[in-house]
Amino acid sequence: MSTPENYGSVWDAIADTPQQAANLRSRAELMQKIAARVKQHGYWTQSEAA
């Protein structure tokens, strides 16, 4: 039976390098901010959201 690995975040677990993890984390944060903005505005078409 192997010992499970511990990671600081899900991004650290799925990325090959710390730089990739940081990139994934930044992209996820950006997507959350965009989603919050679209939700705040109401119903935008995909073109309007872009």
PDB file of N, CA and C in Angstrom:
ATOM      1  N   MET A   1       0.853  -1.185   0.000  1.00  0.00           N
ATOM      2  CA  MET A   1       0.000   0.000   0.000  1.00  0.00           C
ATOM      3  C   MET A   1       0.888   1.234   0.000  1.00  0.00           C
ATOM      4  N   SER A   2       0.618   2.142  -0.910  1.00  0.00           N
ATOM      5  CA  SER A   2       1.443   3.345  -1.004  1.00  0.00           C
ATOM      6  C   SER A   2       0.846   4.472  -0.168  1.00  0.00           C
ATOM      7  N   THR A   3       1.701   5.396   0.201  1.00  0.00           N
ATOM      8  CA  THR A   3       1.285   6.562   0.971  1.00  0.00           C
ATOM      9  C   THR A   3       0.769   7.622   0.020  1.00  0.00           C
ATOM     10  N   PRO A   4      -0.423   8.184   0.283  1.00  0.00           N
ATOM     11  CA  PRO A   4      -0.942   9.223  -0.607  1.00  0.00           C
ATOM     12  C   PRO A   4      -0.077  10.481  -0.539  1.00  0.00           C
ATOM     13  N   GLU A   5       0.010  11.172  -1.666  1.00  0.00           N
ATOM     14  CA  GLU A   5       0.770  12.423  -1.710  1.00  0.00           C
ATOM     15  C   GLU A   5      -0.116  13.570  -1.251  1.00  0.00           C
ATOM     16  N   ASN A   6       0.501  14.563  -0.644  1.00  0.00           N
ATOM     17  CA  ASN A   6      -0.215  15.768  -0.226  1.00  0.00           C
ATOM     18  C   ASN A   6       0.236  16.931  -1.096  1.00  0.00           C
ATOM     19  N   TYR A   7      -0.729  17.729  -1.517  1.00  0.00           N
ATOM     20  CA  TYR A   7      -0.451  18.890  -2.355  1.00  0.00           C
ATOM     21  C   TYR A   7      -1.046  20.135  -1.714  1.00  0.00           C
ATOM     22  N   GLY A   8      -0.463  21.271  -2.051  1.00  0.00           N
ATOM     23  CA  GLY A   8      -0.956  22.543  -1.539  1.00  0.00           C
ATOM     24  C   GLY A   8      -2.280  22.948  -2.145  1.00  0.00           C
ATOM     25  N   SER A   9      -2.537  22.510  -3.370  1.00  0.00           N
ATOM     26  CA  SER A   9      -3.787  22.831  -4.054  1.00  0.00           C
ATOM     27  C   SER A   9      -4.022  21.820  -5.158  1.00  0.00           C
ATOM     28  N   VAL A  10      -5.203  21.831  -5.698  1.00  0.00           N
ATOM     29  CA  VAL A  10      -5.507  20.946  -6.818  1.00  0.00           C
ATOM     30  C   VAL A  10      -4.610  21.270  -8.007  1.00  0.00           C
ATOM     31  N   TRP A  11      -4.271  22.528  -8.164  1.00  0.00           N
ATOM     32  CA  TRP A  11      -3.418  22.941  -9.287  1.00  0.00           C
ATOM     33  C   TRP A  11      -2.020  22.338  -9.153  1.00  0.00           C
ATOM     34  N   ASP A  12      -1.517  22.283  -7.936  1.00  0.00           N
ATOM     35  CA  ASP A  12      -0.217  21.650  -7.710  1.00  0.00           C
ATOM     36  C   ASP A  12      -0.271  20.160  -8.029  1.00  0.00           C
ATOM     37  N   ALA A  13      -1.406  19.544  -7.768  1.00  0.00           N
ATOM     38  CA  ALA A  13      -1.551  18.107  -7.989  1.00  0.00           C
ATOM     39  C   ALA A  13      -1.592  17.751  -9.470  1.00  0.00           C
ATOM     40  N   ILE A  14      -2.197  18.613 -10.293  1.00  0.00           N
ATOM     41  CA  ILE A  14      -2.371  18.254 -11.704  1.00  0.00           C
ATOM     42  C   ILE A  14      -1.314  18.849 -12.626  1.00  0.00           C
ATOM     43  N   ALA A  15      -0.553  19.805 -12.140  1.00  0.00           N
ATOM     44  CA  ALA A  15       0.466  20.450 -12.975  1.00  0.00           C
ATOM     45  C   ALA A  15       1.802  19.726 -12.835  1.00  0.00           C
ATOM     46  N   ASP A  16       2.600  19.834 -13.876  1.00  0.00           N
ATOM     47  CA  ASP A  16       3.932  19.227 -13.865  1.00  0.00           C
ATOM     48  C   ASP A  16       4.979  20.110 -13.197  1.00  0.00           C
ATOM     49  N   THR A  17       4.753  21.430 -13.220  1.00  0.00           N
ATOM     50  CA  THR A  17       5.723  22.363 -12.653  1.00  0.00           C
ATOM     51  C   THR A  17       5.001  23.421 -11.818  1.00  0.00           C
ATOM     52  N   PRO A  18       5.705  24.077 -10.915  1.00  0.00           N
ATOM     53  CA  PRO A  18       5.087  25.176 -10.158  1.00  0.00           C
ATOM     54  C   PRO A  18       4.588  26.304 -11.075  1.00  0.00           C
ATOM     55  N   GLN A  19       5.283  26.532 -12.194  1.00  0.00           N
ATOM     56  CA  GLN A  19       4.869  27.570 -13.128  1.00  0.00           C
ATOM     57  C   GLN A  19       3.533  27.211 -13.779  1.00  0.00           C
ATOM     58  N   GLN A  20       3.369  25.954 -14.135  1.00  0.00           N
ATOM     59  CA  GLN A  20       2.094  25.516 -14.712  1.00  0.00           C
ATOM     60  C   GLN A  20       0.971  25.633 -13.685  1.00  0.00           C
ATOM     61  N   ALA A  21       1.251  25.287 -12.448  1.00  0.00           N
ATOM     62  CA  ALA A  21       0.243  25.399 -11.390  1.00  0.00           C
ATOM     63  C   ALA A  21      -0.177  26.855 -11.209  1.00  0.00           C
ATOM     64  N   ALA A  22       0.780  27.769 -11.221  1.00  0.00           N
ATOM     65  CA  ALA A  22       0.482  29.192 -11.083  1.00  0.00           C
ATOM     66  C   ALA A  22      -0.348  29.681 -12.261  1.00  0.00           C
ATOM     67  N   ASN A  23      -0.027  29.215 -13.461  1.00  0.00           N
ATOM     68  CA  ASN A  23      -0.781  29.592 -14.646  1.00  0.00           C
ATOM     69  C   ASN A  23      -2.227  29.089 -14.543  1.00  0.00           C
ATOM     70  N   LEU A  24      -2.411  27.853 -14.145  1.00  0.00           N
ATOM     71  CA  LEU A  24      -3.759  27.293 -13.992  1.00  0.00           C
ATOM     72  C   LEU A  24      -4.551  28.040 -12.927  1.00  0.00           C
ATOM     73  N   ARG A  25      -3.881  28.366 -11.821  1.00  0.00           N
ATOM     74  CA  ARG A  25      -4.540  29.104 -10.740  1.00  0.00           C
ATOM     75  C   ARG A  25      -4.997  30.474 -11.226  1.00  0.00           C
ATOM     76  N   SER A  26      -4.147  31.175 -11.951  1.00  0.00           N
ATOM     77  CA  SER A  26      -4.487  32.506 -12.468  1.00  0.00           C
ATOM     78  C   SER A  26      -5.643  32.431 -13.448  1.00  0.00           C
ATOM     79  N   ARG A  27      -5.611  31.439 -14.328  1.00  0.00           N
ATOM     80  CA  ARG A  27      -6.671  31.292 -15.313  1.00  0.00           C
ATOM     81  C   ARG A  27      -8.008  30.974 -14.644  1.00  0.00           C
ATOM     82  N   ALA A  28      -7.976  30.148 -13.608  1.00  0.00           N
ATOM     83  CA  ALA A  28      -9.204  29.806 -12.886  1.00  0.00           C
ATOM     84  C   ALA A  28      -9.776  31.037 -12.183  1.00  0.00           C
ATOM     85  N   GLU A  29      -8.910  31.827 -11.570  1.00  0.00           N
ATOM     86  CA  GLU A  29      -9.359  33.053 -10.905  1.00  0.00           C
ATOM     87  C   GLU A  29      -9.977  34.018 -11.907  1.00  0.00           C
ATOM     88  N   LEU A  30      -9.360  34.150 -13.075  1.00  0.00           N
ATOM     89  CA  LEU A  30      -9.888  35.030 -14.110  1.00  0.00           C
ATOM     90  C   LEU A  30     -11.269  34.554 -14.565  1.00  0.00           C
ATOM     91  N   MET A  31     -11.423  33.259 -14.778  1.00  0.00           N
ATOM     92  CA  MET A  31     -12.710  32.718 -15.204  1.00  0.00           C
ATOM     93  C   MET A  31     -13.786  32.943 -14.144  1.00  0.00           C
ATOM     94  N   GLN A  32     -13.418  32.833 -12.863  1.00  0.00           N
ATOM     95  CA  GLN A  32     -14.379  33.090 -11.794  1.00  0.00           C
ATOM     96  C   GLN A  32     -14.818  34.553 -11.801  1.00  0.00           C
ATOM     97  N   LYS A  33     -13.877  35.461 -12.046  1.00  0.00           N
ATOM     98  CA  LYS A  33     -14.211  36.884 -12.093  1.00  0.00           C
ATOM     99  C   LYS A  33     -15.092  37.203 -13.298  1.00  0.00           C
ATOM    100  N   ILE A  34     -14.792  36.592 -14.427  1.00  0.00           N
ATOM    101  CA  ILE A  34     -15.615  36.807 -15.619  1.00  0.00           C
ATOM    102  C   ILE A  34     -17.020  36.270 -15.379  1.00  0.00           C
ATOM    103  N   ALA A  35     -17.126  35.080 -14.809  1.00  0.00           N
ATOM    104  CA  ALA A  35     -18.436  34.485 -14.544  1.00  0.00           C
ATOM    105  C   ALA A  35     -19.243  35.351 -13.583  1.00  0.00           C
ATOM    106  N   ALA A  36     -18.591  35.899 -12.558  1.00  0.00           N
ATOM    107  CA  ALA A  36     -19.283  36.765 -11.607  1.00  0.00           C
ATOM    108  C   ALA A  36     -19.778  38.037 -12.296  1.00  0.00           C
ATOM    109  N   ARG A  37     -18.970  38.580 -13.182  1.00  0.00           N
ATOM    110  CA  ARG A  37     -19.358  39.799 -13.907  1.00  0.00           C
ATOM    111  C   ARG A  37     -20.552  39.543 -14.824  1.00  0.00           C
ATOM    112  N   VAL A  38     -20.526  38.427 -15.533  1.00  0.00           N
ATOM    113  CA  VAL A  38     -21.636  38.079 -16.418  1.00  0.00           C
ATOM    114  C   VAL A  38     -22.901  37.856 -15.598  1.00  0.00           C
ATOM    115  N   LYS A  39     -22.770  37.160 -14.476  1.00  0.00           N
ATOM    116  CA  LYS A  39     -23.923  36.903 -13.614  1.00  0.00           C
ATOM    117  C   LYS A  39     -24.470  38.214 -13.045  1.00  0.00           C
ATOM    118  N   GLN A  40     -23.585  39.118 -12.679  1.00  0.00           N
ATOM    119  CA  GLN A  40     -23.991  40.410 -12.128  1.00  0.00           C
ATOM    120  C   GLN A  40     -24.781  41.213 -13.158  1.00  0.00           C
ATOM    121  N   HIS A  41     -24.364  41.152 -14.401  1.00  0.00           N
ATOM    122  CA  HIS A  41     -25.016  41.915 -15.460  1.00  0.00           C
ATOM    123  C   HIS A  41     -26.386  41.346 -15.802  1.00  0.00           C
ATOM    124  N   GLY A  42     -26.526  40.058 -15.662  1.00  0.00           N
ATOM    125  CA  GLY A  42     -27.780  39.414 -16.053  1.00  0.00           C
ATOM    126  C   GLY A  42     -27.537  38.551 -17.267  1.00  0.00           C
ATOM    127  N   TYR A  43     -28.427  38.631 -18.213  1.00  0.00           N
ATOM    128  CA  TYR A  43     -28.342  37.767 -19.389  1.00  0.00           C
ATOM    129  C   TYR A  43     -27.671  38.497 -20.524  1.00  0.00           C
ATOM    130  N   TRP A  44     -26.460  38.109 -20.801  1.00  0.00           N
ATOM    131  CA  TRP A  44     -25.711  38.582 -21.946  1.00  0.00           C
ATOM    132  C   TRP A  44     -25.672  37.466 -22.985  1.00  0.00           C
ATOM    133  N   THR A  45     -25.672  37.845 -24.223  1.00  0.00           N
ATOM    134  CA  THR A  45     -25.386  36.831 -25.252  1.00  0.00           C
ATOM    135  C   THR A  45     -23.898  36.537 -25.169  1.00  0.00           C
ATOM    136  N   GLN A  46     -23.501  35.477 -25.842  1.00  0.00           N
ATOM    137  CA  GLN A  46     -22.082  35.122 -25.839  1.00  0.00           C
ATOM    138  C   GLN A  46     -21.257  36.242 -26.467  1.00  0.00           C
ATOM    139  N   SER A  47     -21.773  36.876 -27.526  1.00  0.00           N
ATOM    140  CA  SER A  47     -21.067  37.987 -28.174  1.00  0.00           C
ATOM    141  C   SER A  47     -20.934  39.175 -27.237  1.00  0.00           C
ATOM    142  N   GLU A  48     -22.000  39.494 -26.508  1.00  0.00           N
ATOM    143  CA  GLU A  48     -21.944  40.624 -25.573  1.00  0.00           C
ATOM    144  C   GLU A  48     -20.954  40.344 -24.435  1.00  0.00           C
ATOM    145  N   ALA A  49     -20.943  39.118 -23.952  1.00  0.00           N
ATOM    146  CA  ALA A  49     -20.020  38.757 -22.888  1.00  0.00           C
ATOM    147  C   ALA A  49     -18.573  38.837 -23.357  1.00  0.00           C
ATOM    148  N   ALA A  50     -18.341  38.517 -24.621  1.00  0.00           N
ATOM    149  CA  ALA A  50     -16.988  38.573 -25.163  1.00  0.00           C
ATOM    150  C   ALA A  50     -16.510  40.005 -25.236  1.00  0.00           C
TER     151      ALA A  50
END
